Amino acid sequence: MSSAFELREPVQFKQVSFGLTGEQINQLNEWLVGVEKRAAEKQVAKASVNGWKFPYPRPLPYHGATGGELTFSFIPNGIGLHCKVTEAITGESVDLSDYDNW
């Protein structure tokens, strides 16, 4: 019996796409209301400590010219699809996995 590990052939993907259901989008939007407020508060606090002026009439989180506010993680496994969304400024995450369909 050999002690060496054998490598399997690499998985060949032609095209892979993931999406959210309407219910998951609603859940994401509800979560974003609170997290965007906390992100803005965090930026305003950091700006005031550094003596910066916040350029907006009301505090809104700024995510740069290209956005990048949210990171979507889709992790397929043997029983379902795990979906997590993370907000960049606060680091907060929401689990949008549809466990009822696993």
PDB file of N, CA and C in Angstrom:
ATOM      1  N   MET A   1       0.841  -1.182   0.000  1.00  0.00           N
ATOM      2  CA  MET A   1       0.000   0.000   0.000  1.00  0.00           C
ATOM      3  C   MET A   1       0.891   1.252   0.000  1.00  0.00           C
ATOM      4  N   SER A   2       0.615   2.148  -0.902  1.00  0.00           N
ATOM      5  CA  SER A   2       1.431   3.348  -1.055  1.00  0.00           C
ATOM      6  C   SER A   2       1.036   4.399  -0.029  1.00  0.00           C
ATOM      7  N   SER A   3       2.038   5.119   0.475  1.00  0.00           N
ATOM      8  CA  SER A   3       1.746   6.198   1.424  1.00  0.00           C
ATOM      9  C   SER A   3       1.561   7.539   0.719  1.00  0.00           C
ATOM     10  N   ALA A   4       1.774   7.553  -0.583  1.00  0.00           N
ATOM     11  CA  ALA A   4       1.632   8.800  -1.351  1.00  0.00           C
ATOM     12  C   ALA A   4       0.167   9.055  -1.666  1.00  0.00           C
ATOM     13  N   PHE A   5      -0.206  10.300  -1.639  1.00  0.00           N
ATOM     14  CA  PHE A   5      -1.567  10.675  -1.996  1.00  0.00           C
ATOM     15  C   PHE A   5      -1.669  10.798  -3.512  1.00  0.00           C
ATOM     16  N   GLU A   6      -2.778  10.365  -4.032  1.00  0.00           N
ATOM     17  CA  GLU A   6      -3.012  10.505  -5.469  1.00  0.00           C
ATOM     18  C   GLU A   6      -3.942  11.688  -5.689  1.00  0.00           C
ATOM     19  N   LEU A   7      -3.584  12.532  -6.629  1.00  0.00           N
ATOM     20  CA  LEU A   7      -4.408  13.691  -6.947  1.00  0.00           C
ATOM     21  C   LEU A   7      -5.478  13.289  -7.936  1.00  0.00           C
ATOM     22  N   ARG A   8      -6.681  13.790  -7.735  1.00  0.00           N
ATOM     23  CA  ARG A   8      -7.761  13.515  -8.680  1.00  0.00           C
ATOM     24  C   ARG A   8      -7.696  14.539  -9.805  1.00  0.00           C
ATOM     25  N   GLU A   9      -8.411  14.284 -10.850  1.00  0.00           N
ATOM     26  CA  GLU A   9      -8.474  15.217 -11.971  1.00  0.00           C
ATOM     27  C   GLU A   9      -9.147  16.509 -11.509  1.00  0.00           C
ATOM     28  N   PRO A  10      -8.696  17.672 -11.981  1.00  0.00           N
ATOM     29  CA  PRO A  10      -9.351  18.930 -11.605  1.00  0.00           C
ATOM     30  C   PRO A  10     -10.785  18.982 -12.137  1.00  0.00           C
ATOM     31  N   VAL A  11     -11.648  19.617 -11.372  1.00  0.00           N
ATOM     32  CA  VAL A  11     -13.034  19.793 -11.785  1.00  0.00           C
ATOM     33  C   VAL A  11     -13.067  20.771 -12.956  1.00  0.00           C
ATOM     34  N   GLN A  12     -13.812  20.435 -13.970  1.00  0.00           N
ATOM     35  CA  GLN A  12     -13.933  21.291 -15.147  1.00  0.00           C
ATOM     36  C   GLN A  12     -15.282  22.004 -15.114  1.00  0.00           C
ATOM     37  N   PHE A  13     -15.273  23.322 -14.938  1.00  0.00           N
ATOM     38  CA  PHE A  13     -16.497  24.115 -14.929  1.00  0.00           C
ATOM     39  C   PHE A  13     -16.633  24.825 -16.267  1.00  0.00           C
ATOM     40  N   LYS A  14     -17.797  24.714 -16.886  1.00  0.00           N
ATOM     41  CA  LYS A  14     -18.065  25.492 -18.091  1.00  0.00           C
ATOM     42  C   LYS A  14     -18.609  26.853 -17.695  1.00  0.00           C
ATOM     43  N   GLN A  15     -19.599  26.858 -16.833  1.00  0.00           N
ATOM     44  CA  GLN A  15     -20.145  28.108 -16.314  1.00  0.00           C
ATOM     45  C   GLN A  15     -20.881  27.794 -15.025  1.00  0.00           C
ATOM     46  N   VAL A  16     -20.629  28.588 -14.013  1.00  0.00           N
ATOM     47  CA  VAL A  16     -21.290  28.414 -12.728  1.00  0.00           C
ATOM     48  C   VAL A  16     -21.884  29.755 -12.337  1.00  0.00           C
ATOM     49  N   SER A  17     -23.142  29.752 -11.943  1.00  0.00           N
ATOM     50  CA  SER A  17     -23.759  30.994 -11.476  1.00  0.00           C
ATOM     51  C   SER A  17     -24.616  30.691 -10.257  1.00  0.00           C
ATOM     52  N   PHE A  18     -24.710  31.668  -9.390  1.00  0.00           N
ATOM     53  CA  PHE A  18     -25.495  31.562  -8.177  1.00  0.00           C
ATOM     54  C   PHE A  18     -26.430  32.753  -8.119  1.00  0.00           C
ATOM     55  N   GLY A  19     -27.544  32.602  -7.457  1.00  0.00           N
ATOM     56  CA  GLY A  19     -28.497  33.695  -7.343  1.00  0.00           C
ATOM     57  C   GLY A  19     -29.244  33.657  -6.032  1.00  0.00           C
ATOM     58  N   LEU A  20     -30.021  34.696  -5.793  1.00  0.00           N
ATOM     59  CA  LEU A  20     -30.840  34.802  -4.592  1.00  0.00           C
ATOM     60  C   LEU A  20     -32.311  34.740  -4.974  1.00  0.00           C
ATOM     61  N   THR A  21     -33.102  34.160  -4.104  1.00  0.00           N
ATOM     62  CA  THR A  21     -34.546  34.155  -4.300  1.00  0.00           C
ATOM     63  C   THR A  21     -35.108  35.503  -3.874  1.00  0.00           C
ATOM     64  N   GLY A  22     -36.347  35.759  -4.204  1.00  0.00           N
ATOM     65  CA  GLY A  22     -37.003  36.995  -3.770  1.00  0.00           C
ATOM     66  C   GLY A  22     -37.020  37.127  -2.266  1.00  0.00           C
ATOM     67  N   GLU A  23     -37.245  36.022  -1.569  1.00  0.00           N
ATOM     68  CA  GLU A  23     -37.256  36.041  -0.100  1.00  0.00           C
ATOM     69  C   GLU A  23     -35.874  36.379   0.457  1.00  0.00           C
ATOM     70  N   GLN A  24     -34.830  35.835  -0.152  1.00  0.00           N
ATOM     71  CA  GLN A  24     -33.468  36.146   0.297  1.00  0.00           C
ATOM     72  C   GLN A  24     -33.116  37.608   0.030  1.00  0.00           C
ATOM     73  N   ILE A  25     -33.570  38.149  -1.089  1.00  0.00           N
ATOM     74  CA  ILE A  25     -33.335  39.562  -1.394  1.00  0.00           C
ATOM     75  C   ILE A  25     -34.040  40.449  -0.378  1.00  0.00           C
ATOM     76  N   ASN A  26     -35.261  40.103  -0.012  1.00  0.00           N
ATOM     77  CA  ASN A  26     -35.984  40.865   1.019  1.00  0.00           C
ATOM     78  C   ASN A  26     -35.244  40.812   2.347  1.00  0.00           C
ATOM     79  N   GLN A  27     -34.763  39.626   2.715  1.00  0.00           N
ATOM     80  CA  GLN A  27     -34.012  39.468   3.966  1.00  0.00           C
ATOM     81  C   GLN A  27     -32.738  40.318   3.935  1.00  0.00           C
ATOM     82  N   LEU A  28     -32.041  40.324   2.791  1.00  0.00           N
ATOM     83  CA  LEU A  28     -30.830  41.123   2.632  1.00  0.00           C
ATOM     84  C   LEU A  28     -31.142  42.612   2.768  1.00  0.00           C
ATOM     85  N   ASN A  29     -32.198  43.080   2.110  1.00  0.00           N
ATOM     86  CA  ASN A  29     -32.559  44.499   2.174  1.00  0.00           C
ATOM     87  C   ASN A  29     -32.933  44.929   3.587  1.00  0.00           C
ATOM     88  N   GLU A  30     -33.645  44.082   4.326  1.00  0.00           N
ATOM     89  CA  GLU A  30     -33.988  44.397   5.721  1.00  0.00           C
ATOM     90  C   GLU A  30     -32.724  44.504   6.569  1.00  0.00           C
ATOM     91  N   TRP A  31     -31.781  43.602   6.369  1.00  0.00           N
ATOM     92  CA  TRP A  31     -30.530  43.621   7.121  1.00  0.00           C
ATOM     93  C   TRP A  31     -29.708  44.860   6.780  1.00  0.00           C
ATOM     94  N   LEU A  32     -29.706  45.243   5.500  1.00  0.00           N
ATOM     95  CA  LEU A  32     -28.905  46.385   5.058  1.00  0.00           C
ATOM     96  C   LEU A  32     -29.328  47.699   5.698  1.00  0.00           C
ATOM     97  N   VAL A  33     -30.603  47.843   6.019  1.00  0.00           N
ATOM     98  CA  VAL A  33     -31.078  49.090   6.641  1.00  0.00           C
ATOM     99  C   VAL A  33     -30.292  49.376   7.917  1.00  0.00           C
ATOM    100  N   GLY A  34     -30.144  48.395   8.759  1.00  0.00           N
ATOM    101  CA  GLY A  34     -29.414  48.591  10.018  1.00  0.00           C
ATOM    102  C   GLY A  34     -27.918  48.664   9.840  1.00  0.00           C
ATOM    103  N   VAL A  35     -27.371  47.801   8.995  1.00  0.00           N
ATOM    104  CA  VAL A  35     -25.919  47.739   8.853  1.00  0.00           C
ATOM    105  C   VAL A  35     -25.377  48.984   8.149  1.00  0.00           C
ATOM    106  N   GLU A  36     -26.113  49.552   7.199  1.00  0.00           N
ATOM    107  CA  GLU A  36     -25.646  50.779   6.549  1.00  0.00           C
ATOM    108  C   GLU A  36     -25.603  51.935   7.534  1.00  0.00           C
ATOM    109  N   LYS A  37     -26.550  51.974   8.440  1.00  0.00           N
ATOM    110  CA  LYS A  37     -26.554  53.026   9.467  1.00  0.00           C
ATOM    111  C   LYS A  37     -25.319  52.879  10.363  1.00  0.00           C
ATOM    112  N   ARG A  38     -25.024  51.656  10.782  1.00  0.00           N
ATOM    113  CA  ARG A  38     -23.854  51.435  11.635  1.00  0.00           C
ATOM    114  C   ARG A  38     -22.553  51.715  10.877  1.00  0.00           C
ATOM    115  N   ALA A  39     -22.520  51.405   9.581  1.00  0.00           N
ATOM    116  CA  ALA A  39     -21.333  51.697   8.769  1.00  0.00           C
ATOM    117  C   ALA A  39     -21.105  53.200   8.676  1.00  0.00           C
ATOM    118  N   ALA A  40     -22.185  53.951   8.449  1.00  0.00           N
ATOM    119  CA  ALA A  40     -22.066  55.410   8.371  1.00  0.00           C
ATOM    120  C   ALA A  40     -21.602  55.988   9.706  1.00  0.00           C
ATOM    121  N   GLU A  41     -22.166  55.497  10.806  1.00  0.00           N
ATOM    122  CA  GLU A  41     -21.767  55.972  12.132  1.00  0.00           C
ATOM    123  C   GLU A  41     -20.284  55.700  12.380  1.00  0.00           C
ATOM    124  N   LYS A  42     -19.825  54.536  11.951  1.00  0.00           N
ATOM    125  CA  LYS A  42     -18.414  54.185  12.123  1.00  0.00           C
ATOM    126  C   LYS A  42     -17.521  55.118  11.308  1.00  0.00           C
ATOM    127  N   GLN A  43     -17.924  55.444  10.082  1.00  0.00           N
ATOM    128  CA  GLN A  43     -17.130  56.354   9.252  1.00  0.00           C
ATOM    129  C   GLN A  43     -17.138  57.771   9.812  1.00  0.00           C
ATOM    130  N   VAL A  44     -18.287  58.246  10.267  1.00  0.00           N
ATOM    131  CA  VAL A  44     -18.371  59.595  10.835  1.00  0.00           C
ATOM    132  C   VAL A  44     -17.487  59.692  12.082  1.00  0.00           C
ATOM    133  N   ALA A  45     -17.523  58.663  12.931  1.00  0.00           N
ATOM    134  CA  ALA A  45     -16.694  58.664  14.138  1.00  0.00           C
ATOM    135  C   ALA A  45     -15.209  58.702  13.772  1.00  0.00           C
ATOM    136  N   LYS A  46     -14.819  57.906  12.786  1.00  0.00           N
ATOM    137  CA  LYS A  46     -13.421  57.886  12.361  1.00  0.00           C
ATOM    138  C   LYS A  46     -13.031  59.235  11.754  1.00  0.00           C
ATOM    139  N   ALA A  47     -13.926  59.828  10.976  1.00  0.00           N
ATOM    140  CA  ALA A  47     -13.647  61.119  10.350  1.00  0.00           C
ATOM    141  C   ALA A  47     -13.454  62.197  11.407  1.00  0.00           C
ATOM    142  N   SER A  48     -14.314  62.200  12.426  1.00  0.00           N
ATOM    143  CA  SER A  48     -14.215  63.244  13.454  1.00  0.00           C
ATOM    144  C   SER A  48     -12.944  63.085  14.282  1.00  0.00           C
ATOM    145  N   VAL A  49     -12.527  61.858  14.551  1.00  0.00           N
ATOM    146  CA  VAL A  49     -11.283  61.624  15.293  1.00  0.00           C
ATOM    147  C   VAL A  49     -10.092  62.147  14.494  1.00  0.00           C
ATOM    148  N   ASN A  50     -10.151  61.998  13.173  1.00  0.00           N
ATOM    149  CA  ASN A  50      -9.045  62.427  12.312  1.00  0.00           C
ATOM    150  C   ASN A  50      -9.176  63.872  11.839  1.00  0.00           C
ATOM    151  N   GLY A  51     -10.253  64.554  12.241  1.00  0.00           N
ATOM    152  CA  GLY A  51     -10.450  65.937  11.855  1.00  0.00           C
ATOM    153  C   GLY A  51     -10.940  66.129  10.427  1.00  0.00           C
ATOM    154  N   TRP A  52     -11.479  65.077   9.827  1.00  0.00           N
ATOM    155  CA  TRP A  52     -11.986  65.172   8.459  1.00  0.00           C
ATOM    156  C   TRP A  52     -13.415  65.661   8.454  1.00  0.00           C
ATOM    157  N   LYS A  53     -13.804  66.328   7.403  1.00  0.00           N
ATOM    158  CA  LYS A  53     -15.193  66.741   7.210  1.00  0.00           C
ATOM    159  C   LYS A  53     -15.917  65.643   6.448  1.00  0.00           C
ATOM    160  N   PHE A  54     -17.116  65.311   6.891  1.00  0.00           N
ATOM    161  CA  PHE A  54     -17.902  64.302   6.174  1.00  0.00           C
ATOM    162  C   PHE A  54     -18.650  65.016   5.059  1.00  0.00           C
ATOM    163  N   PRO A  55     -18.482  64.608   3.799  1.00  0.00           N
ATOM    164  CA  PRO A  55     -18.957  65.389   2.652  1.00  0.00           C
ATOM    165  C   PRO A  55     -20.453  65.308   2.348  1.00  0.00           C
ATOM    166  N   TYR A  56     -21.204  64.544   3.096  1.00  0.00           N
ATOM    167  CA  TYR A  56     -22.618  64.364   2.755  1.00  0.00           C
ATOM    168  C   TYR A  56     -23.512  65.127   3.735  1.00  0.00           C
ATOM    169  N   PRO A  57     -24.705  65.569   3.276  1.00  0.00           N
ATOM    170  CA  PRO A  57     -25.620  66.263   4.193  1.00  0.00           C
ATOM    171  C   PRO A  57     -26.124  65.361   5.316  1.00  0.00           C
ATOM    172  N   ARG A  58     -26.256  64.093   5.028  1.00  0.00           N
ATOM    173  CA  ARG A  58     -26.592  63.138   6.085  1.00  0.00           C
ATOM    174  C   ARG A  58     -25.615  61.978   5.975  1.00  0.00           C
ATOM    175  N   PRO A  59     -25.267  61.367   7.078  1.00  0.00           N
ATOM    176  CA  PRO A  59     -24.255  60.317   7.036  1.00  0.00           C
ATOM    177  C   PRO A  59     -24.685  59.114   6.190  1.00  0.00           C
ATOM    178  N   LEU A  60     -23.925  58.839   5.165  1.00  0.00           N
ATOM    179  CA  LEU A  60     -24.098  57.657   4.334  1.00  0.00           C
ATOM    180  C   LEU A  60     -22.754  56.955   4.257  1.00  0.00           C
ATOM    181  N   PRO A  61     -22.756  55.643   4.275  1.00  0.00           N
ATOM    182  CA  PRO A  61     -21.458  54.971   4.148  1.00  0.00           C
ATOM    183  C   PRO A  61     -20.879  55.181   2.757  1.00  0.00           C
ATOM    184  N   TYR A  62     -19.587  55.469   2.685  1.00  0.00           N
ATOM    185  CA  TYR A  62     -18.906  55.661   1.413  1.00  0.00           C
ATOM    186  C   TYR A  62     -18.075  54.420   1.129  1.00  0.00           C
ATOM    187  N   HIS A  63     -18.266  53.837  -0.058  1.00  0.00           N
ATOM    188  CA  HIS A  63     -17.591  52.596  -0.407  1.00  0.00           C
ATOM    189  C   HIS A  63     -16.652  52.762  -1.591  1.00  0.00           C
ATOM    190  N   GLY A  64     -16.248  53.961  -1.878  1.00  0.00           N
ATOM    191  CA  GLY A  64     -15.308  54.199  -2.956  1.00  0.00           C
ATOM    192  C   GLY A  64     -15.989  54.334  -4.303  1.00  0.00           C
ATOM    193  N   ALA A  65     -15.210  54.644  -5.292  1.00  0.00           N
ATOM    194  CA  ALA A  65     -15.734  54.920  -6.626  1.00  0.00           C
ATOM    195  C   ALA A  65     -16.354  53.687  -7.272  1.00  0.00           C
ATOM    196  N   THR A  66     -15.859  52.514  -6.926  1.00  0.00           N
ATOM    197  CA  THR A  66     -16.362  51.299  -7.575  1.00  0.00           C
ATOM    198  C   THR A  66     -17.291  50.493  -6.680  1.00  0.00           C
ATOM    199  N   GLY A  67     -17.651  51.017  -5.536  1.00  0.00           N
ATOM    200  CA  GLY A  67     -18.545  50.279  -4.639  1.00  0.00           C
ATOM    201  C   GLY A  67     -17.761  49.300  -3.793  1.00  0.00           C
ATOM    202  N   GLY A  68     -18.133  48.063  -3.849  1.00  0.00           N
ATOM    203  CA  GLY A  68     -17.429  47.065  -3.049  1.00  0.00           C
ATOM    204  C   GLY A  68     -17.964  46.959  -1.645  1.00  0.00           C
ATOM    205  N   GLU A  69     -19.188  47.398  -1.450  1.00  0.00           N
ATOM    206  CA  GLU A  69     -19.805  47.391  -0.124  1.00  0.00           C
ATOM    207  C   GLU A  69     -20.031  45.981   0.387  1.00  0.00           C
ATOM    208  N   LEU A  70     -20.468  45.088  -0.481  1.00  0.00           N
ATOM    209  CA  LEU A  70     -20.877  43.755  -0.048  1.00  0.00           C
ATOM    210  C   LEU A  70     -20.046  42.675  -0.716  1.00  0.00           C
ATOM    211  N   THR A  71     -19.730  41.639   0.069  1.00  0.00           N
ATOM    212  CA  THR A  71     -19.090  40.445  -0.461  1.00  0.00           C
ATOM    213  C   THR A  71     -20.087  39.301  -0.335  1.00  0.00           C
ATOM    214  N   PHE A  72     -20.397  38.669  -1.456  1.00  0.00           N
ATOM    215  CA  PHE A  72     -21.317  37.538  -1.482  1.00  0.00           C
ATOM    216  C   PHE A  72     -20.499  36.250  -1.539  1.00  0.00           C
ATOM    217  N   SER A  73     -20.759  35.341  -0.612  1.00  0.00           N
ATOM    218  CA  SER A  73     -20.085  34.040  -0.601  1.00  0.00           C
ATOM    219  C   SER A  73     -21.130  32.951  -0.827  1.00  0.00           C
ATOM    220  N   PHE A  74     -20.954  32.192  -1.890  1.00  0.00           N
ATOM    221  CA  PHE A  74     -21.821  31.060  -2.192  1.00  0.00           C
ATOM    222  C   PHE A  74     -20.972  29.802  -2.092  1.00  0.00           C
ATOM    223  N   ILE A  75     -21.349  28.901  -1.190  1.00  0.00           N
ATOM    224  CA  ILE A  75     -20.561  27.702  -0.962  1.00  0.00           C
ATOM    225  C   ILE A  75     -21.455  26.475  -1.147  1.00  0.00           C
ATOM    226  N   PRO A  76     -21.358  25.818  -2.298  1.00  0.00           N
ATOM    227  CA  PRO A  76     -22.141  24.607  -2.495  1.00  0.00           C
ATOM    228  C   PRO A  76     -21.537  23.455  -1.702  1.00  0.00           C
ATOM    229  N   ASN A  77     -22.404  22.642  -1.131  1.00  0.00           N
ATOM    230  CA  ASN A  77     -21.926  21.444  -0.437  1.00  0.00           C
ATOM    231  C   ASN A  77     -22.833  20.281  -0.829  1.00  0.00           C
ATOM    232  N   GLY A  78     -22.699  19.171  -0.202  1.00  0.00           N
ATOM    233  CA  GLY A  78     -23.448  17.984  -0.587  1.00  0.00           C
ATOM    234  C   GLY A  78     -24.934  18.044  -0.321  1.00  0.00           C
ATOM    235  N   ILE A  79     -25.370  18.969   0.512  1.00  0.00           N
ATOM    236  CA  ILE A  79     -26.803  19.005   0.862  1.00  0.00           C
ATOM    237  C   ILE A  79     -27.509  20.301   0.489  1.00  0.00           C
ATOM    238  N   GLY A  80     -26.777  21.321   0.118  1.00  0.00           N
ATOM    239  CA  GLY A  80     -27.417  22.590  -0.234  1.00  0.00           C
ATOM    240  C   GLY A  80     -26.392  23.656  -0.570  1.00  0.00           C
ATOM    241  N   LEU A  81     -26.862  24.881  -0.649  1.00  0.00           N
ATOM    242  CA  LEU A  81     -26.006  26.022  -0.996  1.00  0.00           C
ATOM    243  C   LEU A  81     -25.980  26.994   0.178  1.00  0.00           C
ATOM    244  N   HIS A  82     -24.798  27.190   0.724  1.00  0.00           N
ATOM    245  CA  HIS A  82     -24.629  28.156   1.817  1.00  0.00           C
ATOM    246  C   HIS A  82     -24.381  29.526   1.195  1.00  0.00           C
ATOM    247  N   CYS A  83     -25.124  30.538   1.665  1.00  0.00           N
ATOM    248  CA  CYS A  83     -24.973  31.895   1.149  1.00  0.00           C
ATOM    249  C   CYS A  83     -24.775  32.861   2.308  1.00  0.00           C
ATOM    250  N   LYS A  84     -23.687  33.608   2.267  1.00  0.00           N
ATOM    251  CA  LYS A  84     -23.387  34.599   3.302  1.00  0.00           C
ATOM    252  C   LYS A  84     -23.009  35.900   2.618  1.00  0.00           C
ATOM    253  N   VAL A  85     -23.492  37.023   3.182  1.00  0.00           N
ATOM    254  CA  VAL A  85     -23.157  38.346   2.667  1.00  0.00           C
ATOM    255  C   VAL A  85     -22.468  39.116   3.788  1.00  0.00           C
ATOM    256  N   THR A  86     -21.321  39.743   3.480  1.00  0.00           N
ATOM    257  CA  THR A  86     -20.557  40.497   4.471  1.00  0.00           C
ATOM    258  C   THR A  86     -20.420  41.940   4.009  1.00  0.00           C
ATOM    259  N   GLU A  87     -20.686  42.869   4.934  1.00  0.00           N
ATOM    260  CA  GLU A  87     -20.559  44.298   4.658  1.00  0.00           C
ATOM    261  C   GLU A  87     -19.128  44.715   4.964  1.00  0.00           C
ATOM    262  N   ALA A  88     -18.512  45.522   4.088  1.00  0.00           N
ATOM    263  CA  ALA A  88     -17.082  45.819   4.146  1.00  0.00           C
ATOM    264  C   ALA A  88     -16.646  46.678   5.331  1.00  0.00           C
ATOM    265  N   ILE A  89     -17.404  47.691   5.693  1.00  0.00           N
ATOM    266  CA  ILE A  89     -16.948  48.628   6.724  1.00  0.00           C
ATOM    267  C   ILE A  89     -17.089  48.046   8.128  1.00  0.00           C
ATOM    268  N   THR A  90     -18.246  47.459   8.411  1.00  0.00           N
ATOM    269  CA  THR A  90     -18.489  46.925   9.752  1.00  0.00           C
ATOM    270  C   THR A  90     -17.981  45.501   9.916  1.00  0.00           C
ATOM    271  N   GLY A  91     -17.874  44.772   8.819  1.00  0.00           N
ATOM    272  CA  GLY A  91     -17.498  43.360   8.891  1.00  0.00           C
ATOM    273  C   GLY A  91     -18.649  42.461   9.290  1.00  0.00           C
ATOM    274  N   GLU A  92     -19.841  43.035   9.436  1.00  0.00           N
ATOM    275  CA  GLU A  92     -21.016  42.244   9.815  1.00  0.00           C
ATOM    276  C   GLU A  92     -21.458  41.370   8.648  1.00  0.00           C
ATOM    277  N   SER A  93     -22.014  40.209   8.993  1.00  0.00           N
ATOM    278  CA  SER A  93     -22.477  39.265   7.980  1.00  0.00           C
ATOM    279  C   SER A  93     -23.906  38.837   8.263  1.00  0.00           C
ATOM    280  N   VAL A  94     -24.569  38.403   7.195  1.00  0.00           N
ATOM    281  CA  VAL A  94     -25.897  37.812   7.321  1.00  0.00           C
ATOM    282  C   VAL A  94     -25.878  36.495   6.555  1.00  0.00           C
ATOM    283  N   ASP A  95     -26.471  35.476   7.150  1.00  0.00           N
ATOM    284  CA  ASP A  95     -26.571  34.159   6.523  1.00  0.00           C
ATOM    285  C   ASP A  95     -27.908  34.095   5.789  1.00  0.00           C
ATOM    286  N   LEU A  96     -27.861  33.977   4.473  1.00  0.00           N
ATOM    287  CA  LEU A  96     -29.071  33.927   3.662  1.00  0.00           C
ATOM    288  C   LEU A  96     -29.365  32.514   3.153  1.00  0.00           C
ATOM    289  N   SER A  97     -28.690  31.533   3.712  1.00  0.00           N
ATOM    290  CA  SER A  97     -28.893  30.144   3.271  1.00  0.00           C
ATOM    291  C   SER A  97     -30.331  29.729   3.496  1.00  0.00           C
ATOM    292  N   ASP A  98     -30.861  28.997   2.523  1.00  0.00           N
ATOM    293  CA  ASP A  98     -32.241  28.504   2.587  1.00  0.00           C
ATOM    294  C   ASP A  98     -32.221  27.090   3.147  1.00  0.00           C
ATOM    295  N   TYR A  99     -32.054  26.975   4.461  1.00  0.00           N
ATOM    296  CA  TYR A  99     -31.902  25.669   5.112  1.00  0.00           C
ATOM    297  C   TYR A  99     -33.160  24.809   4.973  1.00  0.00           C
ATOM    298  N   ASP A 100     -34.318  25.417   4.799  1.00  0.00           N
ATOM    299  CA  ASP A 100     -35.553  24.646   4.664  1.00  0.00           C
ATOM    300  C   ASP A 100     -35.563  23.791   3.402  1.00  0.00           C
ATOM    301  N   ASN A 101     -34.772  24.156   2.401  1.00  0.00           N
ATOM    302  CA  ASN A 101     -34.719  23.397   1.149  1.00  0.00           C
ATOM    303  C   ASN A 101     -33.508  22.457   1.081  1.00  0.00           C
ATOM    304  N   TRP A 102     -32.823  22.247   2.174  1.00  0.00           N
ATOM    305  CA  TRP A 102     -31.687  21.327   2.176  1.00  0.00           C
ATOM    306  C   TRP A 102     -32.191  19.925   2.358  1.00  0.00           C
TER     307      TRP A 102
END
